[in-house]
Amino acid sequence: MSALVIIPTYNERENAEAIVRAVFALPEPFQVLIVDDGSPDGTAQIVKDLMATEFAGRLHILERKGKLGLGTAYIAGFRWGLERDYQYFFEMDADFSHNPNDLLRLLAQCRDHGADVSVGSRYVKGGQLVNWSSDRIFLSRGASIYTALILWMPVKDPTAGFICYRRHVLEAMELDKIHFIGYAFQIEMKYTAYKLGFSVQEVPITFKDREKGQSKMSLRIIREAMIGVIKMRFMHYVRRRK
């Protein structure tokens, strides 16, 4: 089993070492790729120090110049991993809003229970949100309903960012044709996998708001997701007509 956990970072010095240690404490031989977008707070150096002293061969870093977006960070990570022999690819946040222990459940859903894509879901039975304001919950749930109405995709948490992909899913996708970079990226990846006929299964998780550092959420990202869903539906319709 060769599994790569991809963690994008920007100014995550307060979380970087702790999240790496938490993943490596698990009873599976996960490897970690940090994709750092030129963090001015020294996040990359913390990772490189850990690579040099404790986690050589298990911890890796891909450094980029400037904030290029969450979606492009994951695409870069996928490409990096596909050039190597990894069979399972994970998306995970650096801020502990995703519980590293749930990596084991996402892996098991793909490895042992037939999923091609397993999604850590807040909105299936057993899923929870912790420390979220009521307006943020309303916005997130509204986005899920809005996406379901337009895309008809049977995924209750389409904007979720805690995911496991089996290698053949990413190989089947044309990653250079993934258009979006924020929340819409998460929707587009799941929608693409679903339309390609892959099994997308949801695993209940508890999503906890970050305790350290600052959220990267913005109105631009929300607007991109709302418009992006309509564009995805239209692009799929055009491809079918062709």
Protein backbone atom coordinates (compact mmCIF):
# COMPACT_ATOMS: atom_id res chain seq x y z
CA MET A 1 0.00 0.00 0.00
CA SER A 2 1.41 3.34 -1.07
CA ALA A 3 -0.63 6.33 0.08
CA LEU A 4 0.15 10.03 -0.29
CA VAL A 5 -1.50 12.70 1.87
CA ILE A 6 -1.38 16.06 0.07
CA ILE A 7 -1.59 19.09 2.37
CA PRO A 8 -1.57 22.59 0.83
CA THR A 9 -0.17 25.30 3.10
CA TYR A 10 0.00 29.06 3.26
CA ASN A 11 1.13 30.59 6.56
CA GLU A 12 0.57 27.42 8.59
CA ARG A 13 3.66 27.51 10.82
CA GLU A 14 1.40 27.04 13.86
CA ASN A 15 0.04 23.76 12.46
CA ALA A 16 2.65 22.34 10.07
CA GLU A 17 4.75 20.25 12.43
CA ALA A 18 1.79 19.04 14.47
CA ILE A 19 -0.21 17.86 11.43
CA VAL A 20 2.80 16.02 9.99
CA ARG A 21 3.45 14.24 13.29
CA ALA A 22 -0.23 13.34 13.64
CA VAL A 23 -0.30 11.66 10.22
CA PHE A 24 2.93 9.76 10.83
CA ALA A 25 1.64 8.52 14.20
CA LEU A 26 -1.09 6.51 12.43
CA PRO A 27 -0.73 2.73 12.00
CA GLU A 28 -0.47 2.94 8.20
CA PRO A 29 2.65 3.93 6.24
CA PHE A 30 1.25 7.19 4.88
CA GLN A 31 3.59 9.62 3.16
CA VAL A 32 2.96 13.37 3.21
CA LEU A 33 3.46 15.97 0.49
CA ILE A 34 3.28 19.58 1.64
CA VAL A 35 2.45 21.97 -1.21
CA ASP A 36 3.51 25.37 0.10
CA ASP A 37 2.61 28.56 -1.75
CA GLY A 38 5.56 30.69 -0.67
CA SER A 39 4.43 31.15 2.93
CA PRO A 40 6.19 34.24 4.33
CA ASP A 41 5.87 32.88 7.88
CA GLY A 42 8.47 30.12 7.36
CA THR A 43 6.13 27.13 7.00
CA ALA A 44 8.32 25.58 4.30
CA GLN A 45 11.45 25.76 6.44
CA ILE A 46 9.70 23.95 9.30
CA VAL A 47 8.81 21.15 6.89
CA LYS A 48 12.32 20.98 5.42
CA ASP A 49 13.82 20.76 8.92
CA LEU A 50 11.56 17.79 9.69
CA MET A 51 12.54 16.17 6.39
CA ALA A 52 16.22 16.52 7.26
CA THR A 53 16.04 15.35 10.86
CA GLU A 54 13.24 12.79 11.30
CA PHE A 55 11.11 11.99 8.27
CA ALA A 56 13.43 11.58 5.30
CA GLY A 57 11.72 9.50 2.61
CA ARG A 58 8.24 9.94 4.12
CA LEU A 59 7.84 13.72 4.14
CA HIS A 60 8.12 15.72 0.93
CA ILE A 61 7.64 19.35 -0.07
CA LEU A 62 6.66 21.10 -3.27
CA GLU A 63 7.34 24.83 -3.07
CA ARG A 64 5.52 27.31 -5.30
CA LYS A 65 5.92 31.05 -5.66
CA GLY A 66 2.92 32.94 -4.32
CA LYS A 67 -0.70 32.04 -3.63
CA LEU A 68 -1.86 30.14 -6.71
CA GLY A 69 -5.05 28.64 -5.29
CA LEU A 70 -6.15 25.50 -3.49
CA GLY A 71 -7.19 23.66 -6.63
CA THR A 72 -3.91 24.21 -8.43
CA ALA A 73 -2.05 23.08 -5.29
CA TYR A 74 -3.89 19.76 -5.31
CA ILE A 75 -3.44 19.32 -9.06
CA ALA A 76 0.31 19.90 -8.61
CA GLY A 77 0.31 17.35 -5.80
CA PHE A 78 -1.61 14.80 -7.86
CA ARG A 79 0.82 15.19 -10.75
CA TRP A 80 3.79 14.81 -8.40
CA GLY A 81 2.32 11.62 -6.96
CA LEU A 82 1.30 10.16 -10.33
CA GLU A 83 4.93 10.40 -11.43
CA ARG A 84 5.66 7.98 -8.59
CA ASP A 85 4.02 4.71 -7.52
CA TYR A 86 1.33 5.93 -5.09
CA GLN A 87 -1.98 4.08 -5.28
CA TYR A 88 -4.08 6.28 -2.95
CA PHE A 89 -4.14 10.08 -2.90
CA PHE A 90 -5.63 12.14 -0.08
CA GLU A 91 -6.67 15.77 0.18
CA MET A 92 -6.47 17.16 3.73
CA ASP A 93 -6.33 20.57 5.39
CA ALA A 94 -3.36 21.56 7.53
CA ASP A 95 -5.38 23.18 10.31
CA PHE A 96 -6.85 20.07 12.04
CA SER A 97 -10.37 20.82 10.85
CA HIS A 98 -9.94 17.34 9.36
CA ASN A 99 -9.10 14.75 12.00
CA PRO A 100 -6.00 12.84 10.83
CA ASN A 101 -7.40 9.66 12.38
CA ASP A 102 -10.14 9.70 9.74
CA LEU A 103 -7.52 9.05 7.06
CA LEU A 104 -7.77 5.41 8.13
CA ARG A 105 -11.52 5.33 7.46
CA LEU A 106 -11.23 7.03 4.09
CA LEU A 107 -8.49 4.59 3.10
CA ALA A 108 -10.54 1.59 4.22
CA GLN A 109 -13.56 2.78 2.19
CA CYS A 110 -11.45 2.71 -0.98
CA ARG A 111 -9.20 -0.23 -0.22
CA ASP A 112 -11.70 -2.57 1.40
CA HIS A 113 -15.23 -1.42 0.54
CA GLY A 114 -15.27 -0.73 -3.17
CA ALA A 115 -15.11 3.07 -3.33
CA ASP A 116 -13.10 4.72 -6.07
CA VAL A 117 -13.44 8.04 -4.26
CA SER A 118 -14.21 8.33 -0.54
CA VAL A 119 -15.39 11.67 0.82
CA GLY A 120 -15.21 12.77 4.43
CA SER A 121 -18.76 14.07 4.75
CA ARG A 122 -20.30 16.47 7.24
CA TYR A 123 -23.83 15.88 5.96
CA VAL A 124 -24.41 12.13 5.96
CA LYS A 125 -25.72 10.30 9.03
CA GLY A 126 -23.07 10.50 11.74
CA GLY A 127 -21.35 13.58 10.29
CA GLN A 128 -21.01 16.68 12.47
CA LEU A 129 -19.88 20.30 12.52
CA VAL A 130 -18.12 21.75 15.58
CA ASN A 131 -17.55 25.43 16.41
CA TRP A 132 -19.28 26.73 13.29
CA SER A 133 -21.47 29.84 13.37
CA SER A 134 -25.09 29.50 12.28
CA ASP A 135 -24.57 31.69 9.19
CA ARG A 136 -21.61 29.58 8.07
CA ILE A 137 -23.63 26.38 8.51
CA PHE A 138 -26.48 27.92 6.51
CA LEU A 139 -24.09 28.92 3.73
CA SER A 140 -22.44 25.49 3.57
CA ARG A 141 -25.67 23.51 3.62
CA GLY A 142 -27.21 25.90 1.12
CA ALA A 143 -24.26 25.34 -1.22
CA SER A 144 -24.79 21.57 -0.97
CA ILE A 145 -28.50 21.83 -1.80
CA TYR A 146 -27.81 24.30 -4.61
CA THR A 147 -25.20 21.94 -6.11
CA ALA A 148 -27.51 18.92 -5.89
CA LEU A 149 -30.33 20.78 -7.64
CA ILE A 150 -28.15 21.82 -10.56
CA LEU A 151 -25.77 18.88 -11.00
CA TRP A 152 -28.01 15.98 -9.85
CA MET A 153 -24.96 14.43 -8.23
CA PRO A 154 -25.75 12.06 -5.32
CA VAL A 155 -23.14 13.51 -2.96
CA LYS A 156 -24.48 15.23 0.15
CA ASP A 157 -21.27 17.17 0.88
CA PRO A 158 -19.98 18.24 -2.56
CA THR A 159 -17.70 21.00 -1.21
CA ALA A 160 -15.92 18.63 1.20
CA GLY A 161 -12.13 18.80 1.06
CA PHE A 162 -11.18 15.62 2.95
CA ILE A 163 -11.00 12.98 0.24
CA CYS A 164 -9.28 9.78 -0.90
CA TYR A 165 -8.86 9.04 -4.62
CA ARG A 166 -7.66 5.75 -6.00
CA ARG A 167 -4.91 6.17 -8.57
CA HIS A 168 -6.95 5.04 -11.56
CA VAL A 169 -9.49 7.81 -10.95
CA LEU A 170 -6.90 10.55 -11.28
CA GLU A 171 -5.35 8.80 -14.27
CA ALA A 172 -8.74 8.80 -16.00
CA MET A 173 -9.30 12.50 -15.42
CA GLU A 174 -7.87 15.15 -17.70
CA LEU A 175 -6.39 17.17 -14.87
CA ASP A 176 -5.39 20.02 -17.16
CA LYS A 177 -9.10 20.54 -17.90
CA ILE A 178 -10.11 21.05 -14.26
CA HIS A 179 -11.08 24.72 -14.34
CA PHE A 180 -11.69 25.92 -10.79
CA ILE A 181 -9.44 26.66 -7.82
CA GLY A 182 -11.60 27.18 -4.70
CA TYR A 183 -14.70 25.39 -3.39
CA ALA A 184 -15.75 24.90 -7.00
CA PHE A 185 -12.61 22.79 -7.48
CA GLN A 186 -13.87 20.32 -4.87
CA ILE A 187 -17.24 20.11 -6.59
CA GLU A 188 -15.70 19.76 -10.05
CA MET A 189 -13.41 16.89 -9.01
CA LYS A 190 -16.28 14.89 -7.52
CA TYR A 191 -18.58 15.68 -10.45
CA THR A 192 -15.91 14.62 -12.94
CA ALA A 193 -15.33 11.33 -11.11
CA TYR A 194 -19.08 10.70 -10.89
CA LYS A 195 -19.64 11.41 -14.59
CA LEU A 196 -16.77 9.07 -15.49
CA GLY A 197 -18.70 6.29 -13.74
CA PHE A 198 -16.58 5.93 -10.61
CA SER A 199 -18.05 5.02 -7.24
CA VAL A 200 -18.09 8.10 -4.98
CA GLN A 201 -18.92 7.11 -1.40
CA GLU A 202 -19.27 9.30 1.69
CA VAL A 203 -17.85 8.57 5.13
CA PRO A 204 -19.21 10.55 8.12
CA ILE A 205 -16.68 12.81 9.82
CA THR A 206 -16.67 15.50 12.49
CA PHE A 207 -15.44 18.75 10.98
CA LYS A 208 -14.03 21.17 13.54
CA ASP A 209 -13.26 24.80 12.79
CA ARG A 210 -9.58 25.68 12.93
CA GLU A 211 -8.12 26.71 16.30
CA LYS A 212 -4.86 28.25 15.04
CA GLY A 213 -4.08 30.45 12.05
CA GLN A 214 -6.54 32.25 9.80
CA SER A 215 -9.19 30.90 7.45
CA LYS A 216 -8.54 31.28 3.70
CA MET A 217 -12.28 31.58 2.92
CA SER A 218 -13.34 34.63 0.92
CA LEU A 219 -16.37 35.98 -0.95
CA ARG A 220 -14.50 35.45 -4.21
CA ILE A 221 -14.22 31.73 -3.49
CA ILE A 222 -17.93 31.49 -2.63
CA ARG A 223 -18.90 33.39 -5.78
CA GLU A 224 -16.68 31.13 -7.89
CA ALA A 225 -18.45 28.07 -6.49
CA MET A 226 -21.95 29.41 -7.21
CA ILE A 227 -21.16 30.39 -10.78
CA GLY A 228 -18.93 27.36 -11.27
CA VAL A 229 -21.71 24.87 -10.63
CA ILE A 230 -23.75 26.35 -13.48
CA LYS A 231 -20.69 26.28 -15.74
CA MET A 232 -20.06 22.61 -14.90
CA ARG A 233 -23.59 21.68 -15.86
CA PHE A 234 -23.31 23.63 -19.11
CA MET A 235 -19.91 22.15 -20.01
CA HIS A 236 -21.19 18.63 -19.41
CA TYR A 237 -24.21 19.36 -21.65
CA VAL A 238 -21.93 20.68 -24.43
CA ARG A 239 -19.68 17.61 -24.20
CA ARG A 240 -22.69 15.31 -24.48
CA ARG A 241 -23.95 17.17 -27.56
CA LYS A 242 -20.54 16.83 -29.21
